[in-house]
Amino acid sequence: MKLSIVTPSYNQGKFLGDTIRSVIDSTRPPDEYFVIDGGSNDGSVDTIREYEGFITTWVSEPDQGQADAINKGFRLCNGDIIGWLNSDDMVLPGTFDRILKVFEHNPNAAIVYGDVFSIDEIGETINLQRFKQLRLPDLMAFNIISQPGVFFRRGALQAAGLLDESYHYLLDHHLWLRLAQQGEMVYIPEPFAAARYHPAAKNVAHTRHFGQEAFRMMAWMRDDPRLGSLFAKHKRKIESGAYRLDGYYQMEGGQFWQGLACYGRAIIIRPVVLALEWKHLLYAVLGIAGLQRAKELYKQARKKKYGQPTQQ
């Protein structure tokens, strides 16, 4: 069973070397590794050239954005299993061996995914994103799984189609929704990767756009002939999930009042959200009250709890 990995890149030179090394230094390196750079001018190309002996193919040319770059890589892939790793993230040691074994033992699996560390700009752990076993209706309700910890069959991708390049923030989730219609989802409760959070990252710098795409995606699910009946069956859960996601990202962007308003809508639609999201609601209240010190102590406690992801 062959593995292909794609890394899209654009002006992330300060992190790109860590990303590439995490792939090529794996105990079981991928059979194919493609780096698709969007014409960076920050020294990224020099980094790529430093490792080009370990890269199957790389390009550096203007593109139409992240989804376009990733799709270029997907079109080059010949492996049975595919993953993509953004140029500021890292895969953990042993992950490739593990996921290939899982796919071998689960022939009906279209997607295999695991947990993901959140790390900051200097590589210190902020959080461990723990997930659970999900099904298609759960994805429709915007239960998000972290992209660097997700791998999928090339056959499922061929059946589902490439990334929709009109999405810029939830492009991965839109793909998971289509891949999950092609086979089973298998969750492994182990850390697979580390996702980096830094000021230029989309999930930090452009948080208000995530909710906009969630509501657009909700309309797509409602009108899609393959998902319409499931949407009708789970309508309240899906609507509540969209507001929940919007609230989460508004808070991540420091828009605490807007985040609370979104969570309020989610709770009205589905009251169980109050019990599920009380920690995020408390975080918003601390932010509104200006208790920055309490928030920082909370983050420091999580760093001490989880340690360094590269040592896992």
C-alpha atoms as a PDB file:
ATOM      1  CA  MET A   1       0.000   0.000   0.000  1.00  0.00           C
ATOM      2  CA  LYS A   2       1.535   3.302  -1.158  1.00  0.00           C
ATOM      3  CA  LEU A   3       1.277   6.661   0.574  1.00  0.00           C
ATOM      4  CA  SER A   4       1.293  10.126  -1.044  1.00  0.00           C
ATOM      5  CA  ILE A   5       1.638  13.380   0.918  1.00  0.00           C
ATOM      6  CA  VAL A   6       1.023  16.891  -0.432  1.00  0.00           C
ATOM      7  CA  THR A   7       2.301  20.112   1.169  1.00  0.00           C
ATOM      8  CA  PRO A   8       0.920  23.404  -0.166  1.00  0.00           C
ATOM      9  CA  SER A   9       3.160  26.350   0.612  1.00  0.00           C
ATOM     10  CA  TYR A  10       3.137  30.116   0.355  1.00  0.00           C
ATOM     11  CA  ASN A  11       5.470  32.416   2.295  1.00  0.00           C
ATOM     12  CA  GLN A  12       5.726  30.115   5.318  1.00  0.00           C
ATOM     13  CA  GLY A  13       9.488  29.826   5.098  1.00  0.00           C
ATOM     14  CA  LYS A  14      10.015  30.087   8.849  1.00  0.00           C
ATOM     15  CA  PHE A  15       8.026  26.874   9.382  1.00  0.00           C
ATOM     16  CA  LEU A  16       8.450  25.002   6.103  1.00  0.00           C
ATOM     17  CA  GLY A  17      11.697  23.255   7.049  1.00  0.00           C
ATOM     18  CA  ASP A  18      10.075  21.756  10.168  1.00  0.00           C
ATOM     19  CA  THR A  19       7.157  20.553   8.070  1.00  0.00           C
ATOM     20  CA  ILE A  20       9.320  18.891   5.429  1.00  0.00           C
ATOM     21  CA  ARG A  21      11.613  17.258   8.001  1.00  0.00           C
ATOM     22  CA  SER A  22       8.646  15.815   9.875  1.00  0.00           C
ATOM     23  CA  VAL A  23       7.601  14.069   6.644  1.00  0.00           C
ATOM     24  CA  ILE A  24      10.942  12.837   5.338  1.00  0.00           C
ATOM     25  CA  ASP A  25      12.322  11.831   8.764  1.00  0.00           C
ATOM     26  CA  SER A  26       9.347   9.607   9.463  1.00  0.00           C
ATOM     27  CA  THR A  27      10.122   5.987  10.348  1.00  0.00           C
ATOM     28  CA  ARG A  28       8.138   5.132   7.221  1.00  0.00           C
ATOM     29  CA  PRO A  29       8.487   8.050   4.756  1.00  0.00           C
ATOM     30  CA  PRO A  30       5.787   8.462   2.101  1.00  0.00           C
ATOM     31  CA  ASP A  31       6.258   6.824  -1.276  1.00  0.00           C
ATOM     32  CA  GLU A  32       5.528  10.185  -2.890  1.00  0.00           C
ATOM     33  CA  TYR A  33       5.951  13.666  -1.475  1.00  0.00           C
ATOM     34  CA  PHE A  34       4.828  16.740  -3.397  1.00  0.00           C
ATOM     35  CA  VAL A  35       5.490  20.340  -2.350  1.00  0.00           C
ATOM     36  CA  ILE A  36       3.357  22.844  -4.235  1.00  0.00           C
ATOM     37  CA  ASP A  37       4.542  26.391  -3.614  1.00  0.00           C
ATOM     38  CA  GLY A  38       2.541  29.412  -4.758  1.00  0.00           C
ATOM     39  CA  GLY A  39       5.519  31.520  -5.823  1.00  0.00           C
ATOM     40  CA  SER A  40       6.872  32.428  -2.378  1.00  0.00           C
ATOM     41  CA  ASN A  41       9.331  35.296  -2.058  1.00  0.00           C
ATOM     42  CA  ASP A  42      10.434  34.708   1.537  1.00  0.00           C
ATOM     43  CA  GLY A  43      13.141  32.100   1.054  1.00  0.00           C
ATOM     44  CA  SER A  44      10.766  29.125   0.967  1.00  0.00           C
ATOM     45  CA  VAL A  45      12.172  27.996  -2.377  1.00  0.00           C
ATOM     46  CA  ASP A  46      15.662  27.812  -0.886  1.00  0.00           C
ATOM     47  CA  THR A  47      14.287  25.562   1.847  1.00  0.00           C
ATOM     48  CA  ILE A  48      12.552  23.342  -0.710  1.00  0.00           C
ATOM     49  CA  ARG A  49      15.760  23.058  -2.739  1.00  0.00           C
ATOM     50  CA  GLU A  50      17.646  22.042   0.406  1.00  0.00           C
ATOM     51  CA  TYR A  51      15.427  18.961   0.673  1.00  0.00           C
ATOM     52  CA  GLU A  52      14.575  18.348  -2.977  1.00  0.00           C
ATOM     53  CA  GLY A  53      16.397  15.006  -2.936  1.00  0.00           C
ATOM     54  CA  PHE A  54      13.625  13.733  -0.655  1.00  0.00           C
ATOM     55  CA  ILE A  55      10.759  15.341  -2.605  1.00  0.00           C
ATOM     56  CA  THR A  56       9.181  13.546  -5.554  1.00  0.00           C
ATOM     57  CA  THR A  57       8.112  16.734  -7.329  1.00  0.00           C
ATOM     58  CA  TRP A  58       7.950  20.385  -6.367  1.00  0.00           C
ATOM     59  CA  VAL A  59       6.863  23.546  -8.125  1.00  0.00           C
ATOM     60  CA  SER A  60       6.926  27.226  -7.268  1.00  0.00           C
ATOM     61  CA  GLU A  61       4.499  29.256  -9.357  1.00  0.00           C
ATOM     62  CA  PRO A  62       1.554  31.610  -8.855  1.00  0.00           C
ATOM     63  CA  ASP A  63      -1.712  29.855  -8.092  1.00  0.00           C
ATOM     64  CA  GLN A  64      -5.315  30.669  -7.242  1.00  0.00           C
ATOM     65  CA  GLY A  65      -4.986  29.968  -3.538  1.00  0.00           C
ATOM     66  CA  GLN A  66      -4.579  27.079  -1.140  1.00  0.00           C
ATOM     67  CA  ALA A  67      -7.217  24.795  -2.642  1.00  0.00           C
ATOM     68  CA  ASP A  68      -5.762  25.245  -6.124  1.00  0.00           C
ATOM     69  CA  ALA A  69      -2.294  24.331  -4.832  1.00  0.00           C
ATOM     70  CA  ILE A  70      -3.552  21.253  -3.001  1.00  0.00           C
ATOM     71  CA  ASN A  71      -5.541  20.095  -6.019  1.00  0.00           C
ATOM     72  CA  LYS A  72      -2.382  20.387  -8.137  1.00  0.00           C
ATOM     73  CA  GLY A  73      -0.726  18.027  -5.695  1.00  0.00           C
ATOM     74  CA  PHE A  74      -3.677  15.644  -5.574  1.00  0.00           C
ATOM     75  CA  ARG A  75      -3.590  15.307  -9.367  1.00  0.00           C
ATOM     76  CA  LEU A  76       0.020  14.122  -9.106  1.00  0.00           C
ATOM     77  CA  CYS A  77      -0.677  11.473  -6.472  1.00  0.00           C
ATOM     78  CA  ASN A  78      -0.481   7.799  -7.370  1.00  0.00           C
ATOM     79  CA  GLY A  79      -0.554   6.402  -3.832  1.00  0.00           C
ATOM     80  CA  ASP A  80      -3.389   4.312  -2.433  1.00  0.00           C
ATOM     81  CA  ILE A  81      -3.590   6.645   0.588  1.00  0.00           C
ATOM     82  CA  ILE A  82      -3.293  10.437   0.525  1.00  0.00           C
ATOM     83  CA  GLY A  83      -2.751  13.095   3.150  1.00  0.00           C
ATOM     84  CA  TRP A  84      -1.949  16.765   3.020  1.00  0.00           C
ATOM     85  CA  LEU A  85       0.174  18.679   5.455  1.00  0.00           C
ATOM     86  CA  ASN A  86       0.183  22.466   5.369  1.00  0.00           C
ATOM     87  CA  SER A  87       3.528  24.231   5.409  1.00  0.00           C
ATOM     88  CA  ASP A  88       3.250  25.306   9.051  1.00  0.00           C
ATOM     89  CA  ASP A  89       2.130  21.930  10.486  1.00  0.00           C
ATOM     90  CA  MET A  90       3.993  18.721  11.359  1.00  0.00           C
ATOM     91  CA  VAL A  91       3.276  15.007  11.250  1.00  0.00           C
ATOM     92  CA  LEU A  92       4.310  13.057  14.356  1.00  0.00           C
ATOM     93  CA  PRO A  93       6.794  10.149  14.294  1.00  0.00           C
ATOM     94  CA  GLY A  94       5.169   6.801  13.556  1.00  0.00           C
ATOM     95  CA  THR A  95       1.983   8.262  12.098  1.00  0.00           C
ATOM     96  CA  PHE A  96       2.470   6.982   8.557  1.00  0.00           C
ATOM     97  CA  ASP A  97       3.126   3.403   9.735  1.00  0.00           C
ATOM     98  CA  ARG A  98       0.050   3.570  11.934  1.00  0.00           C
ATOM     99  CA  ILE A  99      -2.430   4.878   9.414  1.00  0.00           C
ATOM    100  CA  LEU A 100      -1.350   2.446   6.693  1.00  0.00           C
ATOM    101  CA  LYS A 101      -1.937  -0.462   9.070  1.00  0.00           C
ATOM    102  CA  VAL A 102      -5.361   0.933   9.959  1.00  0.00           C
ATOM    103  CA  PHE A 103      -6.338   1.187   6.296  1.00  0.00           C
ATOM    104  CA  GLU A 104      -5.082  -2.357   5.681  1.00  0.00           C
ATOM    105  CA  HIS A 105      -7.266  -3.687   8.504  1.00  0.00           C
ATOM    106  CA  ASN A 106     -10.278  -1.574   7.492  1.00  0.00           C
ATOM    107  CA  PRO A 107     -10.831  -2.163   3.760  1.00  0.00           C
ATOM    108  CA  ASN A 108     -14.108  -0.207   3.789  1.00  0.00           C
ATOM    109  CA  ALA A 109     -12.534   2.889   5.322  1.00  0.00           C
ATOM    110  CA  ALA A 110     -12.496   6.016   3.180  1.00  0.00           C
ATOM    111  CA  ILE A 111     -11.088   8.244   5.959  1.00  0.00           C
ATOM    112  CA  VAL A 112      -8.789   7.528   8.904  1.00  0.00           C
ATOM    113  CA  TYR A 113      -8.153  10.305  11.410  1.00  0.00           C
ATOM    114  CA  GLY A 114      -6.577  10.845  14.812  1.00  0.00           C
ATOM    115  CA  ASP A 115      -5.965  13.488  17.447  1.00  0.00           C
ATOM    116  CA  VAL A 116      -3.892  16.609  16.774  1.00  0.00           C
ATOM    117  CA  PHE A 117      -1.729  18.789  18.994  1.00  0.00           C
ATOM    118  CA  SER A 118      -2.146  22.559  18.751  1.00  0.00           C
ATOM    119  CA  ILE A 119       1.223  24.287  18.938  1.00  0.00           C
ATOM    120  CA  ASP A 120       2.222  27.922  18.967  1.00  0.00           C
ATOM    121  CA  GLU A 121       4.689  29.828  16.808  1.00  0.00           C
ATOM    122  CA  ILE A 122       7.733  28.439  18.628  1.00  0.00           C
ATOM    123  CA  GLY A 123       6.419  24.879  18.788  1.00  0.00           C
ATOM    124  CA  GLU A 124       5.112  24.814  22.360  1.00  0.00           C
ATOM    125  CA  THR A 125       1.926  22.844  22.953  1.00  0.00           C
ATOM    126  CA  ILE A 126      -1.248  24.840  23.506  1.00  0.00           C
ATOM    127  CA  ASN A 127      -3.762  22.029  23.468  1.00  0.00           C
ATOM    128  CA  LEU A 128      -4.483  18.484  22.399  1.00  0.00           C
ATOM    129  CA  GLN A 129      -7.464  18.301  20.071  1.00  0.00           C
ATOM    130  CA  ARG A 130      -9.155  15.036  21.040  1.00  0.00           C
ATOM    131  CA  PHE A 131     -11.850  13.757  18.735  1.00  0.00           C
ATOM    132  CA  LYS A 132     -14.256  10.828  18.714  1.00  0.00           C
ATOM    133  CA  GLN A 133     -15.756   8.390  16.271  1.00  0.00           C
ATOM    134  CA  LEU A 134     -17.934  10.390  13.890  1.00  0.00           C
ATOM    135  CA  ARG A 135     -20.312   9.553  11.069  1.00  0.00           C
ATOM    136  CA  LEU A 136     -21.597  11.586   8.149  1.00  0.00           C
ATOM    137  CA  PRO A 137     -24.470  13.212  10.124  1.00  0.00           C
ATOM    138  CA  ASP A 138     -21.933  14.362  12.733  1.00  0.00           C
ATOM    139  CA  LEU A 139     -19.834  16.047  10.062  1.00  0.00           C
ATOM    140  CA  MET A 140     -22.972  17.670   8.693  1.00  0.00           C
ATOM    141  CA  ALA A 141     -23.501  19.174  12.165  1.00  0.00           C
ATOM    142  CA  PHE A 142     -20.044  20.790  11.941  1.00  0.00           C
ATOM    143  CA  ASN A 143     -18.221  18.489  14.275  1.00  0.00           C
ATOM    144  CA  ILE A 144     -14.781  19.447  12.996  1.00  0.00           C
ATOM    145  CA  ILE A 145     -11.798  17.107  12.693  1.00  0.00           C
ATOM    146  CA  SER A 146      -8.337  18.600  12.353  1.00  0.00           C
ATOM    147  CA  GLN A 147      -7.036  18.421   8.794  1.00  0.00           C
ATOM    148  CA  PRO A 148      -3.371  17.421   9.422  1.00  0.00           C
ATOM    149  CA  GLY A 149      -4.578  14.321  11.266  1.00  0.00           C
ATOM    150  CA  VAL A 150      -6.760  13.089   8.367  1.00  0.00           C
ATOM    151  CA  PHE A 151      -5.820  10.594   5.652  1.00  0.00           C
ATOM    152  CA  PHE A 152      -8.011   9.114   2.905  1.00  0.00           C
ATOM    153  CA  ARG A 153      -8.083   6.663   0.023  1.00  0.00           C
ATOM    154  CA  ARG A 154      -7.260   7.963  -3.421  1.00  0.00           C
ATOM    155  CA  GLY A 155     -10.191   5.972  -4.810  1.00  0.00           C
ATOM    156  CA  ALA A 156     -12.552   7.828  -2.469  1.00  0.00           C
ATOM    157  CA  LEU A 157     -11.078  11.155  -3.592  1.00  0.00           C
ATOM    158  CA  GLN A 158     -11.544  10.201  -7.235  1.00  0.00           C
ATOM    159  CA  ALA A 159     -15.195   9.373  -6.536  1.00  0.00           C
ATOM    160  CA  ALA A 160     -15.844  12.464  -4.402  1.00  0.00           C
ATOM    161  CA  GLY A 161     -13.936  14.976  -6.521  1.00  0.00           C
ATOM    162  CA  LEU A 162     -11.150  17.391  -5.642  1.00  0.00           C
ATOM    163  CA  LEU A 163     -11.368  20.343  -3.266  1.00  0.00           C
ATOM    164  CA  ASP A 164     -13.983  22.953  -4.137  1.00  0.00           C
ATOM    165  CA  GLU A 165     -11.768  25.954  -4.835  1.00  0.00           C
ATOM    166  CA  SER A 166     -14.515  28.412  -3.956  1.00  0.00           C
ATOM    167  CA  TYR A 167     -14.037  27.511  -0.268  1.00  0.00           C
ATOM    168  CA  HIS A 168     -11.095  29.116   1.520  1.00  0.00           C
ATOM    169  CA  TYR A 169     -11.640  28.353   5.226  1.00  0.00           C
ATOM    170  CA  LEU A 170     -13.701  25.164   5.510  1.00  0.00           C
ATOM    171  CA  LEU A 171     -12.368  23.621   2.311  1.00  0.00           C
ATOM    172  CA  ASP A 172     -11.198  20.552   4.228  1.00  0.00           C
ATOM    173  CA  HIS A 173     -14.540  19.998   5.960  1.00  0.00           C
ATOM    174  CA  HIS A 174     -16.380  20.258   2.650  1.00  0.00           C
ATOM    175  CA  LEU A 175     -14.100  17.518   1.304  1.00  0.00           C
ATOM    176  CA  TRP A 176     -14.634  15.302   4.376  1.00  0.00           C
ATOM    177  CA  LEU A 177     -18.399  15.542   3.833  1.00  0.00           C
ATOM    178  CA  ARG A 178     -17.995  14.198   0.311  1.00  0.00           C
ATOM    179  CA  LEU A 179     -15.394  11.566   1.208  1.00  0.00           C
ATOM    180  CA  ALA A 180     -17.541  10.241   4.063  1.00  0.00           C
ATOM    181  CA  GLN A 181     -20.171   9.309   1.484  1.00  0.00           C
ATOM    182  CA  GLN A 182     -17.665   6.963  -0.176  1.00  0.00           C
ATOM    183  CA  GLY A 183     -16.904   4.704   2.788  1.00  0.00           C
ATOM    184  CA  GLU A 184     -16.430   4.440   6.525  1.00  0.00           C
ATOM    185  CA  MET A 185     -14.706   6.903   8.839  1.00  0.00           C
ATOM    186  CA  VAL A 186     -12.270   5.340  11.314  1.00  0.00           C
ATOM    187  CA  TYR A 187     -11.032   7.264  14.349  1.00  0.00           C
ATOM    188  CA  ILE A 188      -7.825   6.284  16.151  1.00  0.00           C
ATOM    189  CA  PRO A 189      -7.490   7.915  19.604  1.00  0.00           C
ATOM    190  CA  GLU A 190      -3.806   8.789  19.186  1.00  0.00           C
ATOM    191  CA  PRO A 191      -2.017  12.040  18.213  1.00  0.00           C
ATOM    192  CA  PHE A 192      -1.142  11.980  14.505  1.00  0.00           C
ATOM    193  CA  ALA A 193       0.051  15.537  13.863  1.00  0.00           C
ATOM    194  CA  ALA A 194       0.633  19.033  15.226  1.00  0.00           C
ATOM    195  CA  ALA A 195      -1.248  22.059  13.860  1.00  0.00           C
ATOM    196  CA  ARG A 196       0.480  25.404  14.319  1.00  0.00           C
ATOM    197  CA  TYR A 197      -1.397  28.491  15.516  1.00  0.00           C
ATOM    198  CA  HIS A 198       0.332  31.802  14.776  1.00  0.00           C
ATOM    199  CA  PRO A 199      -0.781  35.348  13.885  1.00  0.00           C
ATOM    200  CA  ALA A 200      -0.781  34.735  10.112  1.00  0.00           C
ATOM    201  CA  ALA A 201      -2.678  31.425  10.284  1.00  0.00           C
ATOM    202  CA  LYS A 202      -6.190  31.504   8.830  1.00  0.00           C
ATOM    203  CA  ASN A 203      -7.706  30.125  12.016  1.00  0.00           C
ATOM    204  CA  VAL A 204      -6.246  33.108  13.875  1.00  0.00           C
ATOM    205  CA  ALA A 205      -6.224  35.971  11.367  1.00  0.00           C
ATOM    206  CA  HIS A 206      -9.520  35.330   9.548  1.00  0.00           C
ATOM    207  CA  THR A 207     -11.783  33.789  12.177  1.00  0.00           C
ATOM    208  CA  ARG A 208     -14.953  35.648  11.152  1.00  0.00           C
ATOM    209  CA  HIS A 209     -14.948  33.960   7.733  1.00  0.00           C
ATOM    210  CA  PHE A 210     -15.356  30.430   9.081  1.00  0.00           C
ATOM    211  CA  GLY A 211     -18.937  30.994  10.166  1.00  0.00           C
ATOM    212  CA  GLN A 212     -19.810  32.559   6.824  1.00  0.00           C
ATOM    213  CA  GLU A 213     -18.634  29.451   5.015  1.00  0.00           C
ATOM    214  CA  ALA A 214     -20.441  27.203   7.504  1.00  0.00           C
ATOM    215  CA  PHE A 215     -23.786  28.818   6.680  1.00  0.00           C
ATOM    216  CA  ARG A 216     -23.021  28.604   2.981  1.00  0.00           C
ATOM    217  CA  MET A 217     -22.170  24.921   3.411  1.00  0.00           C
ATOM    218  CA  MET A 218     -25.383  24.345   5.323  1.00  0.00           C
ATOM    219  CA  ALA A 219     -27.375  25.653   2.328  1.00  0.00           C
ATOM    220  CA  TRP A 220     -25.351  23.364   0.046  1.00  0.00           C
ATOM    221  CA  MET A 221     -26.192  20.332   2.199  1.00  0.00           C
ATOM    222  CA  ARG A 222     -29.871  21.258   2.224  1.00  0.00           C
ATOM    223  CA  ASP A 223     -30.010  21.491  -1.561  1.00  0.00           C
ATOM    224  CA  ASP A 224     -27.676  18.597  -2.417  1.00  0.00           C
ATOM    225  CA  PRO A 225     -29.720  15.588  -3.642  1.00  0.00           C
ATOM    226  CA  ARG A 226     -27.336  13.175  -1.902  1.00  0.00           C
ATOM    227  CA  LEU A 227     -27.583  14.920   1.488  1.00  0.00           C
ATOM    228  CA  GLY A 228     -31.028  16.534   1.417  1.00  0.00           C
ATOM    229  CA  SER A 229     -32.864  13.747   3.265  1.00  0.00           C
ATOM    230  CA  LEU A 230     -30.181  13.552   5.969  1.00  0.00           C
ATOM    231  CA  PHE A 231     -30.289  17.328   6.295  1.00  0.00           C
ATOM    232  CA  ALA A 232     -34.046  17.277   6.850  1.00  0.00           C
ATOM    233  CA  LYS A 233     -33.677  14.542   9.485  1.00  0.00           C
ATOM    234  CA  HIS A 234     -30.933  16.378  11.414  1.00  0.00           C
ATOM    235  CA  LYS A 235     -31.870  19.978  10.598  1.00  0.00           C
ATOM    236  CA  ARG A 236     -31.843  21.370  14.145  1.00  0.00           C
ATOM    237  CA  LYS A 237     -28.547  19.709  14.996  1.00  0.00           C
ATOM    238  CA  ILE A 238     -26.958  21.034  11.803  1.00  0.00           C
ATOM    239  CA  GLU A 239     -28.232  24.594  12.288  1.00  0.00           C
ATOM    240  CA  SER A 240     -27.100  24.591  15.910  1.00  0.00           C
ATOM    241  CA  GLY A 241     -23.722  23.235  14.806  1.00  0.00           C
ATOM    242  CA  ALA A 242     -23.233  26.080  12.331  1.00  0.00           C
ATOM    243  CA  TYR A 243     -23.897  28.696  15.024  1.00  0.00           C
ATOM    244  CA  ARG A 244     -21.646  26.782  17.411  1.00  0.00           C
ATOM    245  CA  LEU A 245     -18.792  26.844  14.924  1.00  0.00           C
ATOM    246  CA  ASP A 246     -19.325  30.531  14.208  1.00  0.00           C
ATOM    247  CA  GLY A 247     -19.315  31.271  17.933  1.00  0.00           C
ATOM    248  CA  TYR A 248     -16.125  29.332  18.497  1.00  0.00           C
ATOM    249  CA  TYR A 249     -14.197  31.144  15.779  1.00  0.00           C
ATOM    250  CA  GLN A 250     -15.567  34.552  16.770  1.00  0.00           C
ATOM    251  CA  MET A 251     -14.180  33.940  20.251  1.00  0.00           C
ATOM    252  CA  GLU A 252     -10.861  32.726  18.851  1.00  0.00           C
ATOM    253  CA  GLY A 253     -10.643  36.058  17.060  1.00  0.00           C
ATOM    254  CA  GLY A 254     -11.369  37.973  20.273  1.00  0.00           C
ATOM    255  CA  GLN A 255     -14.940  38.887  19.283  1.00  0.00           C
ATOM    256  CA  PHE A 256     -16.402  37.672  22.555  1.00  0.00           C
ATOM    257  CA  TRP A 257     -19.803  39.392  22.397  1.00  0.00           C
ATOM    258  CA  GLN A 258     -20.386  38.144  18.863  1.00  0.00           C
ATOM    259  CA  GLY A 259     -19.276  34.674  19.934  1.00  0.00           C
ATOM    260  CA  LEU A 260     -21.690  34.633  22.850  1.00  0.00           C
ATOM    261  CA  ALA A 261     -24.511  35.734  20.560  1.00  0.00           C
ATOM    262  CA  CYS A 262     -23.779  32.852  18.182  1.00  0.00           C
ATOM    263  CA  TYR A 263     -23.628  30.365  21.028  1.00  0.00           C
ATOM    264  CA  GLY A 264     -26.915  31.786  22.303  1.00  0.00           C
ATOM    265  CA  ARG A 265     -28.554  30.998  18.961  1.00  0.00           C
ATOM    266  CA  ALA A 266     -27.065  27.499  19.052  1.00  0.00           C
ATOM    267  CA  ILE A 267     -28.441  26.922  22.555  1.00  0.00           C
ATOM    268  CA  ILE A 268     -31.924  28.157  21.605  1.00  0.00           C
ATOM    269  CA  ILE A 269     -32.004  25.716  18.697  1.00  0.00           C
ATOM    270  CA  ARG A 270     -30.519  22.847  20.720  1.00  0.00           C
ATOM    271  CA  PRO A 271     -30.283  23.435  24.515  1.00  0.00           C
ATOM    272  CA  VAL A 272     -27.791  20.592  25.080  1.00  0.00           C
ATOM    273  CA  VAL A 273     -25.135  22.914  23.600  1.00  0.00           C
ATOM    274  CA  LEU A 274     -25.047  24.736  26.952  1.00  0.00           C
ATOM    275  CA  ALA A 275     -23.705  21.616  28.685  1.00  0.00           C
ATOM    276  CA  LEU A 276     -21.334  20.810  25.828  1.00  0.00           C
ATOM    277  CA  GLU A 277     -19.800  24.274  25.470  1.00  0.00           C
ATOM    278  CA  TRP A 278     -19.655  25.678  28.996  1.00  0.00           C
ATOM    279  CA  LYS A 279     -15.841  25.976  28.881  1.00  0.00           C
ATOM    280  CA  HIS A 280     -15.954  28.130  25.743  1.00  0.00           C
ATOM    281  CA  LEU A 281     -18.711  30.248  27.260  1.00  0.00           C
ATOM    282  CA  LEU A 282     -16.616  30.763  30.412  1.00  0.00           C
ATOM    283  CA  TYR A 283     -13.655  31.706  28.213  1.00  0.00           C
ATOM    284  CA  ALA A 284     -15.802  34.358  26.522  1.00  0.00           C
ATOM    285  CA  VAL A 285     -16.938  35.773  29.854  1.00  0.00           C
ATOM    286  CA  LEU A 286     -13.308  36.047  30.995  1.00  0.00           C
ATOM    287  CA  GLY A 287     -12.476  37.838  27.764  1.00  0.00           C
ATOM    288  CA  ILE A 288     -15.354  40.284  28.115  1.00  0.00           C
ATOM    289  CA  ALA A 289     -14.408  40.946  31.748  1.00  0.00           C
ATOM    290  CA  GLY A 290     -10.855  41.696  30.684  1.00  0.00           C
ATOM    291  CA  LEU A 291      -9.420  38.924  32.840  1.00  0.00           C
ATOM    292  CA  GLN A 292      -6.505  38.310  30.521  1.00  0.00           C
ATOM    293  CA  ARG A 293      -4.335  36.954  33.323  1.00  0.00           C
ATOM    294  CA  ALA A 294      -6.807  34.153  34.053  1.00  0.00           C
ATOM    295  CA  LYS A 295      -6.840  33.221  30.373  1.00  0.00           C
ATOM    296  CA  GLU A 296      -3.028  33.142  30.236  1.00  0.00           C
ATOM    297  CA  LEU A 297      -2.821  30.952  33.350  1.00  0.00           C
ATOM    298  CA  TYR A 298      -5.267  28.561  31.718  1.00  0.00           C
ATOM    299  CA  LYS A 299      -3.104  28.368  28.571  1.00  0.00           C
ATOM    300  CA  GLN A 300       0.077  27.834  30.605  1.00  0.00           C
ATOM    301  CA  ALA A 301      -1.583  24.991  32.528  1.00  0.00           C
ATOM    302  CA  ARG A 302      -2.434  23.281  29.258  1.00  0.00           C
ATOM    303  CA  LYS A 303       1.142  23.632  28.018  1.00  0.00           C
ATOM    304  CA  LYS A 304       2.453  21.938  31.164  1.00  0.00           C
ATOM    305  CA  LYS A 305      -0.154  19.202  30.866  1.00  0.00           C
ATOM    306  CA  TYR A 306       0.543  18.228  27.263  1.00  0.00           C
ATOM    307  CA  GLY A 307       4.293  18.800  26.898  1.00  0.00           C
ATOM    308  CA  GLN A 308       6.017  18.838  23.522  1.00  0.00           C
ATOM    309  CA  PRO A 309       4.259  17.108  20.626  1.00  0.00           C
ATOM    310  CA  THR A 310       7.468  16.116  18.855  1.00  0.00           C
ATOM    311  CA  GLN A 311       8.331  13.894  21.808  1.00  0.00           C
ATOM    312  CA  GLN A 312       5.180  11.802  21.607  1.00  0.00           C
END
